[in-house]
Amino acid sequence: MKENLNCNENCKADAIAQCLKDAGCGDSVIEHFLADFESGRLKESICILQKHRETLLNDLHKGQKRIDCLDYLIFMLQKKKSWICCGQKIDVEKEYYPRRKLNEL
C-alpha cells in the first residue's frame, strides 16, 4: 500500500538524489534512476546502480594500478637500482647520474 504523503515522497526522492550525488552519479543518471524507481521499475533501478558501481570499481582499479607503478618506482629509486619501464630496463645510476654515484647525491 502506497502512502499518500507528498512531502514524504518528495523528501524521500531528495534524499535518494543526494545519496546518488554523493556516490558520484551525474544528473542524467539520477533523473533516470528516479524515473524508474518512482515508476516501480525496481530491476531497472538496481541495474542503473550496478552499472555506476561497476564504473566506480573500474576507476578504483585503474587508480590502484597507477599507485602500484609509483610505489614500484619509489622503491627502486630508494634502492638505487634499475627497473623495467615500458619494456626497457633502466639503470638509474648509469643513465641518469653517469658522472656521480647515487650515494654522493
Foldseek 3Di string as FASTA:
>chain_A
DDDPDPVVVVVVLVVVLVVCVVLVDDPVLSVVLVVCVVVVVVVVNVVSVVVSVVVVVVVVVVVVVVVVVVVVVVVCVVVQAWDADPNDIGRCCCPPPVPDGPVVD
